[in-house]
C-alpha atoms as a PDB file:
ATOM      1  CA  MET A   1      77.893 114.212  92.635  1.00  0.00           C
ATOM      2  CA  ASN A   2      75.929 113.497  95.812  1.00  0.00           C
ATOM      3  CA  TYR A   3      77.415 110.402  97.395  1.00  0.00           C
ATOM      4  CA  GLN A   4      75.376 108.007  99.541  1.00  0.00           C
ATOM      5  CA  THR A   5      78.088 105.599 100.734  1.00  0.00           C
ATOM      6  CA  ILE A   6      81.337 107.576 100.618  1.00  0.00           C
ATOM      7  CA  LEU A   7      82.690 111.008 101.431  1.00  0.00           C
ATOM      8  CA  TYR A   8      85.026 112.810  99.038  1.00  0.00           C
ATOM      9  CA  ASP A   9      87.160 115.749 100.081  1.00  0.00           C
ATOM     10  CA  THR A  10      90.235 117.537  98.828  1.00  0.00           C
ATOM     11  CA  GLU A  11      92.643 119.571 100.894  1.00  0.00           C
ATOM     12  CA  GLY A  12      95.639 120.933  99.036  1.00  0.00           C
ATOM     13  CA  PRO A  13      97.287 118.103  97.118  1.00  0.00           C
ATOM     14  CA  VAL A  14      95.393 115.323  98.970  1.00  0.00           C
ATOM     15  CA  ALA A  15      92.076 113.816  97.917  1.00  0.00           C
ATOM     16  CA  THR A  16      90.467 111.701 100.635  1.00  0.00           C
ATOM     17  CA  ILE A  17      87.852 109.081  99.869  1.00  0.00           C
ATOM     18  CA  THR A  18      86.150 107.830 103.030  1.00  0.00           C
ATOM     19  CA  LEU A  19      83.967 104.737 102.957  1.00  0.00           C
ATOM     20  CA  ASN A  20      81.021 106.067 104.946  1.00  0.00           C
ATOM     21  CA  ARG A  21      78.802 103.298 106.269  1.00  0.00           C
ATOM     22  CA  PRO A  22      80.261 103.144 109.791  1.00  0.00           C
ATOM     23  CA  ASP A  23      77.231 101.456 111.387  1.00  0.00           C
ATOM     24  CA  GLU A  24      77.665  98.622 108.860  1.00  0.00           C
ATOM     25  CA  LEU A  25      81.487  98.484 109.161  1.00  0.00           C
ATOM     26  CA  ASN A  26      81.650 100.146 105.709  1.00  0.00           C
ATOM     27  CA  THR A  27      80.423  96.980 104.011  1.00  0.00           C
ATOM     28  CA  ILE A  28      80.033  97.111 100.261  1.00  0.00           C
ATOM     29  CA  VAL A  29      76.563  97.626  98.778  1.00  0.00           C
ATOM     30  CA  PRO A  30      75.457  99.525  95.689  1.00  0.00           C
ATOM     31  CA  PRO A  31      76.177 102.287  94.861  1.00  0.00           C
ATOM     32  CA  MET A  32      79.523 102.177  96.735  1.00  0.00           C
ATOM     33  CA  PRO A  33      81.597 100.704  93.870  1.00  0.00           C
ATOM     34  CA  ASP A  34      80.166 103.252  91.421  1.00  0.00           C
ATOM     35  CA  GLU A  35      80.734 106.128  93.834  1.00  0.00           C
ATOM     36  CA  LEU A  36      84.292 105.011  94.577  1.00  0.00           C
ATOM     37  CA  GLU A  37      85.082 104.847  90.859  1.00  0.00           C
ATOM     38  CA  HIS A  38      83.549 108.302  90.306  1.00  0.00           C
ATOM     39  CA  ALA A  39      85.602 109.818  93.170  1.00  0.00           C
ATOM     40  CA  VAL A  40      88.839 108.210  91.942  1.00  0.00           C
ATOM     41  CA  HIS A  41      88.233 109.608  88.470  1.00  0.00           C
ATOM     42  CA  ALA A  42      87.480 113.070  89.921  1.00  0.00           C
ATOM     43  CA  ALA A  43      90.736 113.006  91.903  1.00  0.00           C
ATOM     44  CA  THR A  44      92.673 111.742  88.895  1.00  0.00           C
ATOM     45  CA  ARG A  45      91.324 114.586  86.726  1.00  0.00           C
ATOM     46  CA  ASP A  46      92.043 117.264  89.372  1.00  0.00           C
ATOM     47  CA  ALA A  47      95.437 118.833  88.580  1.00  0.00           C
ATOM     48  CA  ASN A  48      95.776 120.046  92.190  1.00  0.00           C
ATOM     49  CA  VAL A  49      95.509 116.521  93.610  1.00  0.00           C
ATOM     50  CA  LYS A  50      98.834 114.700  93.890  1.00  0.00           C
ATOM     51  CA  VAL A  51      97.798 111.736  96.082  1.00  0.00           C
ATOM     52  CA  ILE A  52      94.597 109.865  96.965  1.00  0.00           C
ATOM     53  CA  VAL A  53      93.905 108.451 100.436  1.00  0.00           C
ATOM     54  CA  LEU A  54      91.281 105.732 100.892  1.00  0.00           C
ATOM     55  CA  ARG A  55      89.988 105.231 104.433  1.00  0.00           C
ATOM     56  CA  GLY A  56      86.965 103.995 106.359  1.00  0.00           C
ATOM     57  CA  ALA A  57      84.730 105.898 108.786  1.00  0.00           C
ATOM     58  CA  GLY A  58      84.133 104.478 112.249  1.00  0.00           C
ATOM     59  CA  ARG A  59      85.763 101.363 113.658  1.00  0.00           C
ATOM     60  CA  ALA A  60      86.619  99.546 110.405  1.00  0.00           C
ATOM     61  CA  PHE A  61      88.211 100.164 107.042  1.00  0.00           C
ATOM     62  CA  CYS A  62      85.804  97.823 105.219  1.00  0.00           C
ATOM     63  CA  ALA A  63      84.334  94.490 106.323  1.00  0.00           C
ATOM     64  CA  GLY A  64      83.753  93.337 102.745  1.00  0.00           C
ATOM     65  CA  TYR A  65      80.500  92.744 100.926  1.00  0.00           C
ATOM     66  CA  ASN A  66      77.278  92.980 102.897  1.00  0.00           C
ATOM     67  CA  PHE A  67      75.729  89.499 102.742  1.00  0.00           C
ATOM     68  CA  GLY A  68      73.177  90.344 105.470  1.00  0.00           C
ATOM     69  CA  LYS A  69      70.189  90.125 103.136  1.00  0.00           C
ATOM     70  CA  GLY A  70      71.799  88.159 100.336  1.00  0.00           C
ATOM     71  CA  PHE A  71      73.088  89.687  97.141  1.00  0.00           C
ATOM     72  CA  HIS A  72      69.670  90.799  95.922  1.00  0.00           C
ATOM     73  CA  HIS A  73      70.942  94.257  95.032  1.00  0.00           C
ATOM     74  CA  TRP A  74      72.982  92.551  92.296  1.00  0.00           C
ATOM     75  CA  ASP A  75      70.360  89.942  91.258  1.00  0.00           C
ATOM     76  CA  GLU A  76      70.088  91.336  87.729  1.00  0.00           C
ATOM     77  CA  HIS A  77      73.738  90.451  87.102  1.00  0.00           C
ATOM     78  CA  MET A  78      73.984  87.305  89.229  1.00  0.00           C
ATOM     79  CA  ASN A  79      70.634  85.510  89.496  1.00  0.00           C
ATOM     80  CA  THR A  80      70.397  82.450  87.275  1.00  0.00           C
ATOM     81  CA  GLY A  81      67.348  80.719  88.747  1.00  0.00           C
ATOM     82  CA  GLY A  82      69.443  78.253  90.710  1.00  0.00           C
ATOM     83  CA  LYS A  83      71.655  76.992  87.877  1.00  0.00           C
ATOM     84  CA  TRP A  84      75.229  78.128  87.457  1.00  0.00           C
ATOM     85  CA  ASP A  85      75.719  80.189  84.324  1.00  0.00           C
ATOM     86  CA  ALA A  86      79.422  80.455  83.543  1.00  0.00           C
ATOM     87  CA  GLY A  87      78.866  83.261  81.033  1.00  0.00           C
ATOM     88  CA  LYS A  88      76.849  85.380  83.447  1.00  0.00           C
ATOM     89  CA  ASP A  89      79.354  84.733  86.242  1.00  0.00           C
ATOM     90  CA  PHE A  90      82.279  85.679  83.988  1.00  0.00           C
ATOM     91  CA  ALA A  91      80.553  88.822  82.703  1.00  0.00           C
ATOM     92  CA  PHE A  92      79.727  90.035  86.218  1.00  0.00           C
ATOM     93  CA  ALA A  93      83.301  89.466  87.379  1.00  0.00           C
ATOM     94  CA  THR A  94      85.034  91.101  84.421  1.00  0.00           C
ATOM     95  CA  THR A  95      82.810  93.717  82.757  1.00  0.00           C
ATOM     96  CA  PRO A  96      83.891  97.228  83.841  1.00  0.00           C
ATOM     97  CA  ALA A  97      80.395  98.682  83.399  1.00  0.00           C
ATOM     98  CA  VAL A  98      78.782  96.329  85.950  1.00  0.00           C
ATOM     99  CA  SER A  99      81.426  94.483  87.977  1.00  0.00           C
ATOM    100  CA  PRO A 100      82.031  95.933  91.444  1.00  0.00           C
ATOM    101  CA  HIS A 101      85.576  94.563  91.359  1.00  0.00           C
ATOM    102  CA  GLN A 102      86.351  96.216  88.052  1.00  0.00           C
ATOM    103  CA  LYS A 103      85.231  99.502  89.640  1.00  0.00           C
ATOM    104  CA  PHE A 104      87.647  98.852  92.551  1.00  0.00           C
ATOM    105  CA  MET A 105      90.382  98.616  89.925  1.00  0.00           C
ATOM    106  CA  SER A 106      89.991 102.355  89.276  1.00  0.00           C
ATOM    107  CA  LEU A 107      92.223 102.687  92.361  1.00  0.00           C
ATOM    108  CA  TRP A 108      94.838 100.441  90.735  1.00  0.00           C
ATOM    109  CA  ARG A 109      94.619 102.221  87.397  1.00  0.00           C
ATOM    110  CA  SER A 110      94.826 105.767  88.774  1.00  0.00           C
ATOM    111  CA  SER A 111      97.864 107.677  87.566  1.00  0.00           C
ATOM    112  CA  LYS A 112      98.178 109.186  91.050  1.00  0.00           C
ATOM    113  CA  PRO A 113      99.484 107.276  94.064  1.00  0.00           C
ATOM    114  CA  VAL A 114      96.740 105.791  96.236  1.00  0.00           C
ATOM    115  CA  ILE A 115      97.283 105.097  99.932  1.00  0.00           C
ATOM    116  CA  ALA A 116      94.971 102.804 101.908  1.00  0.00           C
ATOM    117  CA  GLN A 117      94.667 103.919 105.546  1.00  0.00           C
ATOM    118  CA  VAL A 118      93.560 100.643 107.135  1.00  0.00           C
ATOM    119  CA  HIS A 119      92.196 100.164 110.639  1.00  0.00           C
ATOM    120  CA  GLY A 120      89.909  97.551 112.158  1.00  0.00           C
ATOM    121  CA  TRP A 121      88.333  95.053 109.775  1.00  0.00           C
ATOM    122  CA  CYS A 122      89.736  94.899 106.257  1.00  0.00           C
ATOM    123  CA  VAL A 123      88.353  91.603 104.984  1.00  0.00           C
ATOM    124  CA  GLY A 124      86.836  90.152 101.843  1.00  0.00           C
ATOM    125  CA  GLY A 125      86.059  92.907  99.354  1.00  0.00           C
ATOM    126  CA  GLY A 126      87.604  95.384 101.796  1.00  0.00           C
ATOM    127  CA  SER A 127      90.974  93.700 101.432  1.00  0.00           C
ATOM    128  CA  ASP A 128      90.513  93.909  97.654  1.00  0.00           C
ATOM    129  CA  TYR A 129      90.085  97.673  98.056  1.00  0.00           C
ATOM    130  CA  ALA A 130      93.372  97.795  99.969  1.00  0.00           C
ATOM    131  CA  LEU A 131      95.191  95.593  97.460  1.00  0.00           C
ATOM    132  CA  CYS A 132      94.166  97.930  94.638  1.00  0.00           C
ATOM    133  CA  CYS A 133      96.056 100.766  96.351  1.00  0.00           C
ATOM    134  CA  ASP A 134      99.753 101.499  95.836  1.00  0.00           C
ATOM    135  CA  LEU A 135     100.577 101.595  99.537  1.00  0.00           C
ATOM    136  CA  VAL A 136      98.809 100.174 102.591  1.00  0.00           C
ATOM    137  CA  ILE A 137      99.344 101.751 105.993  1.00  0.00           C
ATOM    138  CA  ALA A 138      97.787  99.521 108.661  1.00  0.00           C
ATOM    139  CA  SER A 139      97.100 100.388 112.286  1.00  0.00           C
ATOM    140  CA  GLU A 140      97.850  98.017 115.163  1.00  0.00           C
ATOM    141  CA  ASP A 141      94.182  96.930 115.284  1.00  0.00           C
ATOM    142  CA  ALA A 142      93.926  96.065 111.564  1.00  0.00           C
ATOM    143  CA  ARG A 143      92.559  92.607 110.771  1.00  0.00           C
ATOM    144  CA  ILE A 144      93.197  91.786 107.113  1.00  0.00           C
ATOM    145  CA  GLY A 145      92.019  88.667 105.300  1.00  0.00           C
ATOM    146  CA  ALA A 146      90.084  86.991 102.519  1.00  0.00           C
ATOM    147  CA  PRO A 147      87.635  84.433 103.954  1.00  0.00           C
ATOM    148  CA  TYR A 148      86.261  83.620 100.496  1.00  0.00           C
ATOM    149  CA  SER A 149      89.670  82.358  99.333  1.00  0.00           C
ATOM    150  CA  ARG A 150      88.734  78.955 100.790  1.00  0.00           C
ATOM    151  CA  MET A 151      86.082  78.702  98.091  1.00  0.00           C
ATOM    152  CA  TRP A 152      87.548  80.645  95.142  1.00  0.00           C
ATOM    153  CA  GLY A 153      91.223  80.277  96.012  1.00  0.00           C
ATOM    154  CA  ALA A 154      92.315  83.820  95.247  1.00  0.00           C
ATOM    155  CA  TYR A 155      91.426  87.450  95.623  1.00  0.00           C
ATOM    156  CA  LEU A 156      88.587  88.451  93.314  1.00  0.00           C
ATOM    157  CA  SER A 157      90.605  91.375  91.980  1.00  0.00           C
ATOM    158  CA  GLY A 158      93.276  88.949  90.841  1.00  0.00           C
ATOM    159  CA  MET A 159      95.956  90.269  93.169  1.00  0.00           C
END
């Protein structure tokens, strides 16, 4: 698969998935969740791979979702014309075929150990990525947090 937002590489028993939007602090936009899930499944199916490493290119692991121009890339699943639709909200948060967070959970569900190599910003959805891994190794400059917890109260991945 040709990836637009990540890099995938294997060397011996290690598969490395690199979030590759360094100019945007590796913020999450489509198709990143789909590509991440695809790479995790490829590593899981590869008998030579014994461990998966998730990292970020540039000066951050992942600064969460990119709100710079709104969430218009997910309008089909989220837009309700200004009225809250509990069913649509629930479906987008929980349906594996469309929910970005359910795609993150491919890290959690992998039968192979997944290590998050965290540096710089690891906030919002980026911290969800890290929480879905089995082990988090953080550098001295790591800044980890969930700003949205003030509104929703918990990590979106349910951690």
